[in-house]
Amino acid sequence: MNWDAVILSLKLASVVSGVLLLAGLPVAYWVAFSRWRWKFLVESVVALPLVLPPTVLGFYLLLALGPRSPLGQLCERLLGHGLAFSFQGLVVASVLYSLPFAVQPAAAAFALLDPTLLQASSVLGASRWRTFFRVILPLSASGVVTGVVLSFAHTLGEFGVVLMVGGNIPGITQTVSIAIYDEVQALNYQGANATALFLLTFSFLVLSLTYAMNRRVWAVWPLRH
């Protein structure tokens, strides 16, 4: 099994889920509570990676991060290298590709909150920040955790976007999904099966743990008085 690819994928998924936790919550909050009439346009942009082929998104990201683009030239001056075919480029691409998996569960949880609780917090003089951290976030923890875990699992299994943006550089941009593809291309089905089985088992355990933590027992077996 290609442990270098596994470790790189776990590192990438951890960084991306952490970035999405910080960047996705404000977006989810705005989506849930904004009254802007054109809000559906922003929601469409956020959800676009769900329906857009990964190769299309990866192609445009490659152009945006390439050495001829203003962003690519800026990063080359700041970092000493471009974002394309680098780990940092994989992070940028994966954050955009997994954005809906982090935003939509959190936004759905925010939207289900009882408005009277938010009104009561405002009447008691709490600021929006205090209301968010003391009322909204604790009551929506299950949705936030689900979003983080889904973005982690989704990043872990990415193929098209990371291949387009990062290529296949062992130890730098070769993720576990690309390593499996390489093993199959080399007709090494035993090695591909070992890596794929690890990825399947790990993803199943992560999702099972998440759903187990979010499960509400009383919704299945109501309390009897």
C-alpha atoms as a PDB file:
ATOM      1  CA  MET A   1       0.000   0.000   0.000  1.00  0.00           C
ATOM      2  CA  ASN A   2       1.216   3.482  -0.865  1.00  0.00           C
ATOM      3  CA  TRP A   3       1.492   5.018   2.600  1.00  0.00           C
ATOM      4  CA  ASP A   4       2.989   8.276   1.286  1.00  0.00           C
ATOM      5  CA  ALA A   5      -0.172   8.893  -0.741  1.00  0.00           C
ATOM      6  CA  VAL A   6      -2.373   7.948   2.215  1.00  0.00           C
ATOM      7  CA  ILE A   7      -0.562  10.327   4.571  1.00  0.00           C
ATOM      8  CA  LEU A   8      -0.670  13.119   1.986  1.00  0.00           C
ATOM      9  CA  SER A   9      -4.407  12.615   1.479  1.00  0.00           C
ATOM     10  CA  LEU A  10      -5.082  12.654   5.227  1.00  0.00           C
ATOM     11  CA  LYS A  11      -3.021  15.828   5.565  1.00  0.00           C
ATOM     12  CA  LEU A  12      -4.864  17.457   2.666  1.00  0.00           C
ATOM     13  CA  ALA A  13      -8.281  16.454   4.007  1.00  0.00           C
ATOM     14  CA  SER A  14      -7.427  17.753   7.493  1.00  0.00           C
ATOM     15  CA  VAL A  15      -6.219  21.125   6.205  1.00  0.00           C
ATOM     16  CA  VAL A  16      -9.195  21.537   3.866  1.00  0.00           C
ATOM     17  CA  SER A  17     -11.789  20.626   6.512  1.00  0.00           C
ATOM     18  CA  GLY A  18     -10.160  23.059   8.945  1.00  0.00           C
ATOM     19  CA  VAL A  19     -10.199  25.869   6.382  1.00  0.00           C
ATOM     20  CA  LEU A  20     -13.822  25.113   5.504  1.00  0.00           C
ATOM     21  CA  LEU A  21     -14.787  25.155   9.173  1.00  0.00           C
ATOM     22  CA  LEU A  22     -13.514  28.731   9.441  1.00  0.00           C
ATOM     23  CA  ALA A  23     -14.566  29.973   6.010  1.00  0.00           C
ATOM     24  CA  GLY A  24     -17.761  27.944   5.589  1.00  0.00           C
ATOM     25  CA  LEU A  25     -19.535  29.050   8.771  1.00  0.00           C
ATOM     26  CA  PRO A  26     -19.853  32.731   7.738  1.00  0.00           C
ATOM     27  CA  VAL A  27     -21.129  31.655   4.316  1.00  0.00           C
ATOM     28  CA  ALA A  28     -23.616  29.239   5.902  1.00  0.00           C
ATOM     29  CA  TYR A  29     -24.784  31.925   8.328  1.00  0.00           C
ATOM     30  CA  TRP A  30     -25.360  34.390   5.493  1.00  0.00           C
ATOM     31  CA  VAL A  31     -27.189  31.796   3.380  1.00  0.00           C
ATOM     32  CA  ALA A  32     -29.447  30.847   6.290  1.00  0.00           C
ATOM     33  CA  PHE A  33     -30.374  34.336   7.497  1.00  0.00           C
ATOM     34  CA  SER A  34     -29.918  36.706   4.562  1.00  0.00           C
ATOM     35  CA  ARG A  35     -33.041  38.351   3.156  1.00  0.00           C
ATOM     36  CA  TRP A  36     -31.389  39.471  -0.084  1.00  0.00           C
ATOM     37  CA  ARG A  37     -33.701  38.748  -2.993  1.00  0.00           C
ATOM     38  CA  TRP A  38     -30.851  37.542  -5.219  1.00  0.00           C
ATOM     39  CA  LYS A  39     -29.507  35.161  -2.592  1.00  0.00           C
ATOM     40  CA  PHE A  40     -30.263  32.200  -4.834  1.00  0.00           C
ATOM     41  CA  LEU A  41     -27.389  33.267  -7.104  1.00  0.00           C
ATOM     42  CA  VAL A  42     -24.906  32.870  -4.262  1.00  0.00           C
ATOM     43  CA  GLU A  43     -26.480  29.544  -3.293  1.00  0.00           C
ATOM     44  CA  SER A  44     -26.082  28.392  -6.897  1.00  0.00           C
ATOM     45  CA  VAL A  45     -22.403  29.331  -6.926  1.00  0.00           C
ATOM     46  CA  VAL A  46     -21.813  27.487  -3.650  1.00  0.00           C
ATOM     47  CA  ALA A  47     -23.613  24.371  -4.911  1.00  0.00           C
ATOM     48  CA  LEU A  48     -22.020  24.469  -8.373  1.00  0.00           C
ATOM     49  CA  PRO A  49     -19.282  21.893  -7.566  1.00  0.00           C
ATOM     50  CA  LEU A  50     -22.016  19.336  -6.851  1.00  0.00           C
ATOM     51  CA  VAL A  51     -23.091  19.255 -10.514  1.00  0.00           C
ATOM     52  CA  LEU A  52     -20.015  20.550 -12.336  1.00  0.00           C
ATOM     53  CA  PRO A  53     -17.695  17.831 -13.718  1.00  0.00           C
ATOM     54  CA  PRO A  54     -14.458  17.779 -11.689  1.00  0.00           C
ATOM     55  CA  THR A  55     -12.378  18.102 -14.854  1.00  0.00           C
ATOM     56  CA  VAL A  56     -14.167  21.336 -15.793  1.00  0.00           C
ATOM     57  CA  LEU A  57     -13.608  22.863 -12.365  1.00  0.00           C
ATOM     58  CA  GLY A  58     -10.036  21.588 -12.325  1.00  0.00           C
ATOM     59  CA  PHE A  59      -9.327  23.032 -15.769  1.00  0.00           C
ATOM     60  CA  TYR A  60     -10.455  26.545 -14.826  1.00  0.00           C
ATOM     61  CA  LEU A  61      -8.663  26.363 -11.501  1.00  0.00           C
ATOM     62  CA  LEU A  62      -5.507  25.322 -13.330  1.00  0.00           C
ATOM     63  CA  LEU A  63      -5.826  28.391 -15.553  1.00  0.00           C
ATOM     64  CA  ALA A  64      -6.507  30.618 -12.538  1.00  0.00           C
ATOM     65  CA  LEU A  65      -3.543  29.265 -10.568  1.00  0.00           C
ATOM     66  CA  GLY A  66      -1.155  28.928 -13.498  1.00  0.00           C
ATOM     67  CA  PRO A  67       2.004  31.030 -13.979  1.00  0.00           C
ATOM     68  CA  ARG A  68       0.339  33.269 -16.572  1.00  0.00           C
ATOM     69  CA  SER A  69      -2.535  34.320 -14.342  1.00  0.00           C
ATOM     70  CA  PRO A  70      -2.307  37.345 -11.995  1.00  0.00           C
ATOM     71  CA  LEU A  71      -2.987  35.105  -8.968  1.00  0.00           C
ATOM     72  CA  GLY A  72      -0.345  32.610 -10.039  1.00  0.00           C
ATOM     73  CA  GLN A  73       2.239  35.357 -10.566  1.00  0.00           C
ATOM     74  CA  LEU A  74       1.429  36.901  -7.196  1.00  0.00           C
ATOM     75  CA  CYS A  75       1.834  33.573  -5.405  1.00  0.00           C
ATOM     76  CA  GLU A  76       5.076  32.925  -7.240  1.00  0.00           C
ATOM     77  CA  ARG A  77       6.469  36.216  -5.957  1.00  0.00           C
ATOM     78  CA  LEU A  78       5.248  35.576  -2.409  1.00  0.00           C
ATOM     79  CA  LEU A  79       5.913  31.842  -2.092  1.00  0.00           C
ATOM     80  CA  GLY A  80       8.736  31.418  -4.554  1.00  0.00           C
ATOM     81  CA  HIS A  81       6.702  28.960  -6.621  1.00  0.00           C
ATOM     82  CA  GLY A  82       3.325  28.807  -8.314  1.00  0.00           C
ATOM     83  CA  LEU A  83       0.242  27.159  -6.898  1.00  0.00           C
ATOM     84  CA  ALA A  84      -0.255  24.779  -9.799  1.00  0.00           C
ATOM     85  CA  PHE A  85       1.254  21.320  -9.180  1.00  0.00           C
ATOM     86  CA  SER A  86       1.885  22.060  -5.519  1.00  0.00           C
ATOM     87  CA  PHE A  87       0.294  21.050  -2.212  1.00  0.00           C
ATOM     88  CA  GLN A  88      -0.939  24.594  -1.646  1.00  0.00           C
ATOM     89  CA  GLY A  89      -2.676  24.453  -5.014  1.00  0.00           C
ATOM     90  CA  LEU A  90      -4.368  21.222  -3.978  1.00  0.00           C
ATOM     91  CA  VAL A  91      -5.646  22.948  -0.840  1.00  0.00           C
ATOM     92  CA  VAL A  92      -7.149  25.842  -2.817  1.00  0.00           C
ATOM     93  CA  ALA A  93      -8.773  23.517  -5.336  1.00  0.00           C
ATOM     94  CA  SER A  94     -10.095  21.146  -2.670  1.00  0.00           C
ATOM     95  CA  VAL A  95     -11.561  23.982  -0.586  1.00  0.00           C
ATOM     96  CA  LEU A  96     -13.567  25.202  -3.574  1.00  0.00           C
ATOM     97  CA  TYR A  97     -14.574  21.686  -4.620  1.00  0.00           C
ATOM     98  CA  SER A  98     -15.726  20.644  -1.122  1.00  0.00           C
ATOM     99  CA  LEU A  99     -17.328  23.979  -0.205  1.00  0.00           C
ATOM    100  CA  PRO A 100     -20.965  22.829  -0.622  1.00  0.00           C
ATOM    101  CA  PHE A 101     -20.373  19.782   1.583  1.00  0.00           C
ATOM    102  CA  ALA A 102     -19.402  22.088   4.454  1.00  0.00           C
ATOM    103  CA  VAL A 103     -21.838  24.958   3.857  1.00  0.00           C
ATOM    104  CA  GLN A 104     -25.111  23.186   3.106  1.00  0.00           C
ATOM    105  CA  PRO A 105     -25.385  21.022   6.288  1.00  0.00           C
ATOM    106  CA  ALA A 106     -24.486  24.005   8.481  1.00  0.00           C
ATOM    107  CA  ALA A 107     -26.895  26.344   6.657  1.00  0.00           C
ATOM    108  CA  ALA A 108     -29.701  23.783   6.958  1.00  0.00           C
ATOM    109  CA  ALA A 109     -29.056  23.461  10.699  1.00  0.00           C
ATOM    110  CA  PHE A 110     -29.035  27.254  11.134  1.00  0.00           C
ATOM    111  CA  ALA A 111     -32.304  27.604   9.219  1.00  0.00           C
ATOM    112  CA  LEU A 112     -34.058  25.081  11.500  1.00  0.00           C
ATOM    113  CA  LEU A 113     -33.423  27.109  14.651  1.00  0.00           C
ATOM    114  CA  ASP A 114     -36.385  28.574  16.481  1.00  0.00           C
ATOM    115  CA  PRO A 115     -36.421  32.326  15.632  1.00  0.00           C
ATOM    116  CA  THR A 116     -37.767  33.165  19.085  1.00  0.00           C
ATOM    117  CA  LEU A 117     -34.481  32.021  20.624  1.00  0.00           C
ATOM    118  CA  LEU A 118     -32.542  34.473  18.483  1.00  0.00           C
ATOM    119  CA  GLN A 119     -35.036  37.231  19.270  1.00  0.00           C
ATOM    120  CA  ALA A 120     -34.742  36.521  22.995  1.00  0.00           C
ATOM    121  CA  SER A 121     -30.965  36.732  22.788  1.00  0.00           C
ATOM    122  CA  SER A 122     -31.228  40.074  21.001  1.00  0.00           C
ATOM    123  CA  VAL A 123     -33.736  41.416  23.546  1.00  0.00           C
ATOM    124  CA  LEU A 124     -31.375  40.465  26.368  1.00  0.00           C
ATOM    125  CA  GLY A 125     -28.707  42.647  24.778  1.00  0.00           C
ATOM    126  CA  ALA A 126     -26.449  39.992  23.284  1.00  0.00           C
ATOM    127  CA  SER A 127     -24.458  41.004  20.218  1.00  0.00           C
ATOM    128  CA  ARG A 128     -24.629  39.041  16.983  1.00  0.00           C
ATOM    129  CA  TRP A 129     -21.263  37.453  17.742  1.00  0.00           C
ATOM    130  CA  ARG A 130     -22.339  36.401  21.215  1.00  0.00           C
ATOM    131  CA  THR A 131     -25.647  35.087  19.895  1.00  0.00           C
ATOM    132  CA  PHE A 132     -23.824  33.088  17.261  1.00  0.00           C
ATOM    133  CA  PHE A 133     -21.339  31.472  19.639  1.00  0.00           C
ATOM    134  CA  ARG A 134     -23.680  31.030  22.618  1.00  0.00           C
ATOM    135  CA  VAL A 135     -26.974  30.147  20.895  1.00  0.00           C
ATOM    136  CA  ILE A 136     -26.692  29.366  17.188  1.00  0.00           C
ATOM    137  CA  LEU A 137     -23.491  27.327  17.132  1.00  0.00           C
ATOM    138  CA  PRO A 138     -24.266  25.026  20.109  1.00  0.00           C
ATOM    139  CA  LEU A 139     -27.778  24.291  18.828  1.00  0.00           C
ATOM    140  CA  SER A 140     -26.464  23.611  15.313  1.00  0.00           C
ATOM    141  CA  ALA A 141     -23.442  21.546  16.323  1.00  0.00           C
ATOM    142  CA  SER A 142     -24.680  18.410  14.575  1.00  0.00           C
ATOM    143  CA  GLY A 143     -24.975  20.192  11.229  1.00  0.00           C
ATOM    144  CA  VAL A 144     -21.573  21.833  11.604  1.00  0.00           C
ATOM    145  CA  VAL A 145     -19.895  18.540  12.538  1.00  0.00           C
ATOM    146  CA  THR A 146     -21.604  16.790   9.637  1.00  0.00           C
ATOM    147  CA  GLY A 147     -20.333  19.452   7.241  1.00  0.00           C
ATOM    148  CA  VAL A 148     -16.763  19.155   8.503  1.00  0.00           C
ATOM    149  CA  VAL A 149     -16.773  15.362   8.287  1.00  0.00           C
ATOM    150  CA  LEU A 150     -18.369  15.320   4.835  1.00  0.00           C
ATOM    151  CA  SER A 151     -15.818  17.810   3.524  1.00  0.00           C
ATOM    152  CA  PHE A 152     -13.031  15.696   5.056  1.00  0.00           C
ATOM    153  CA  ALA A 153     -14.325  12.472   3.500  1.00  0.00           C
ATOM    154  CA  HIS A 154     -15.013  14.143   0.163  1.00  0.00           C
ATOM    155  CA  THR A 155     -11.517  15.613  -0.007  1.00  0.00           C
ATOM    156  CA  LEU A 156     -10.021  12.255   0.914  1.00  0.00           C
ATOM    157  CA  GLY A 157     -11.548  10.633  -2.168  1.00  0.00           C
ATOM    158  CA  GLU A 158     -11.031  13.428  -4.708  1.00  0.00           C
ATOM    159  CA  PHE A 159      -9.602  12.472  -8.064  1.00  0.00           C
ATOM    160  CA  GLY A 160     -10.435  14.705 -11.038  1.00  0.00           C
ATOM    161  CA  VAL A 161      -9.804  18.107  -9.491  1.00  0.00           C
ATOM    162  CA  VAL A 162      -6.577  17.152  -7.717  1.00  0.00           C
ATOM    163  CA  LEU A 163      -5.253  15.438 -10.844  1.00  0.00           C
ATOM    164  CA  MET A 164      -5.945  18.508 -13.005  1.00  0.00           C
ATOM    165  CA  VAL A 165      -4.491  21.024 -10.546  1.00  0.00           C
ATOM    166  CA  GLY A 166      -1.746  19.010  -8.856  1.00  0.00           C
ATOM    167  CA  GLY A 167      -0.799  16.385 -11.390  1.00  0.00           C
ATOM    168  CA  ASN A 168       0.727  13.145 -10.133  1.00  0.00           C
ATOM    169  CA  ILE A 169       3.923  13.986  -8.262  1.00  0.00           C
ATOM    170  CA  PRO A 170       4.774  11.316  -5.637  1.00  0.00           C
ATOM    171  CA  GLY A 171       5.124  12.774  -2.156  1.00  0.00           C
ATOM    172  CA  ILE A 172       3.883  16.205  -3.257  1.00  0.00           C
ATOM    173  CA  THR A 173       0.544  15.944  -5.070  1.00  0.00           C
ATOM    174  CA  GLN A 174      -0.078  12.201  -5.474  1.00  0.00           C
ATOM    175  CA  THR A 175      -3.170  11.529  -3.380  1.00  0.00           C
ATOM    176  CA  VAL A 176      -4.532   8.109  -2.501  1.00  0.00           C
ATOM    177  CA  SER A 177      -7.128   8.101  -5.283  1.00  0.00           C
ATOM    178  CA  ILE A 178      -4.445   8.864  -7.885  1.00  0.00           C
ATOM    179  CA  ALA A 179      -2.206   6.178  -6.379  1.00  0.00           C
ATOM    180  CA  ILE A 180      -5.018   3.632  -6.819  1.00  0.00           C
ATOM    181  CA  TYR A 181      -5.400   4.680 -10.439  1.00  0.00           C
ATOM    182  CA  ASP A 182      -1.651   4.259 -10.997  1.00  0.00           C
ATOM    183  CA  GLU A 183      -1.727   0.769  -9.494  1.00  0.00           C
ATOM    184  CA  VAL A 184      -4.575  -0.252 -11.779  1.00  0.00           C
ATOM    185  CA  GLN A 185      -2.783   1.185 -14.801  1.00  0.00           C
ATOM    186  CA  ALA A 186       0.268  -0.892 -13.851  1.00  0.00           C
ATOM    187  CA  LEU A 187      -1.970  -3.981 -13.488  1.00  0.00           C
ATOM    188  CA  ASN A 188      -1.024  -4.206  -9.814  1.00  0.00           C
ATOM    189  CA  TYR A 189      -4.504  -5.130  -8.666  1.00  0.00           C
ATOM    190  CA  GLN A 190      -3.295  -6.448  -5.319  1.00  0.00           C
ATOM    191  CA  GLY A 191      -1.738  -3.109  -4.403  1.00  0.00           C
ATOM    192  CA  ALA A 192      -4.750  -1.197  -5.722  1.00  0.00           C
ATOM    193  CA  ASN A 193      -7.088  -3.411  -3.711  1.00  0.00           C
ATOM    194  CA  ALA A 194      -5.119  -2.868  -0.492  1.00  0.00           C
ATOM    195  CA  THR A 195      -5.185   0.913  -0.849  1.00  0.00           C
ATOM    196  CA  ALA A 196      -8.808   1.005  -1.981  1.00  0.00           C
ATOM    197  CA  LEU A 197      -9.890  -1.253   0.886  1.00  0.00           C
ATOM    198  CA  PHE A 198      -8.150   1.024   3.374  1.00  0.00           C
ATOM    199  CA  LEU A 199      -9.871   4.081   1.906  1.00  0.00           C
ATOM    200  CA  LEU A 200     -13.253   2.325   1.889  1.00  0.00           C
ATOM    201  CA  THR A 201     -12.910   1.158   5.499  1.00  0.00           C
ATOM    202  CA  PHE A 202     -11.645   4.506   6.767  1.00  0.00           C
ATOM    203  CA  SER A 203     -14.410   6.475   5.031  1.00  0.00           C
ATOM    204  CA  PHE A 204     -17.079   4.095   6.318  1.00  0.00           C
ATOM    205  CA  LEU A 205     -15.825   4.348   9.904  1.00  0.00           C
ATOM    206  CA  VAL A 206     -15.668   8.157   9.769  1.00  0.00           C
ATOM    207  CA  LEU A 207     -19.201   8.461   8.396  1.00  0.00           C
ATOM    208  CA  SER A 208     -20.576   5.839  10.796  1.00  0.00           C
ATOM    209  CA  LEU A 209     -19.065   7.659  13.761  1.00  0.00           C
ATOM    210  CA  THR A 210     -20.525  10.962  12.576  1.00  0.00           C
ATOM    211  CA  TYR A 211     -24.035   9.612  12.076  1.00  0.00           C
ATOM    212  CA  ALA A 212     -23.838   7.783  15.405  1.00  0.00           C
ATOM    213  CA  MET A 213     -22.902  11.020  17.195  1.00  0.00           C
ATOM    214  CA  ASN A 214     -25.704  12.952  15.485  1.00  0.00           C
ATOM    215  CA  ARG A 215     -28.361  10.305  15.973  1.00  0.00           C
ATOM    216  CA  ARG A 216     -31.274  11.323  18.180  1.00  0.00           C
ATOM    217  CA  VAL A 217     -32.412   8.183  19.935  1.00  0.00           C
ATOM    218  CA  TRP A 218     -35.728   9.676  21.016  1.00  0.00           C
ATOM    219  CA  ALA A 219     -36.680  10.296  17.395  1.00  0.00           C
ATOM    220  CA  VAL A 220     -36.679   6.529  16.873  1.00  0.00           C
ATOM    221  CA  TRP A 221     -37.888   5.452  20.283  1.00  0.00           C
ATOM    222  CA  PRO A 222     -40.029   8.281  21.745  1.00  0.00           C
ATOM    223  CA  LEU A 223     -39.869   8.737  25.459  1.00  0.00           C
ATOM    224  CA  ARG A 224     -42.765   7.213  27.310  1.00  0.00           C
ATOM    225  CA  HIS A 225     -44.087   8.912  30.389  1.00  0.00           C
END
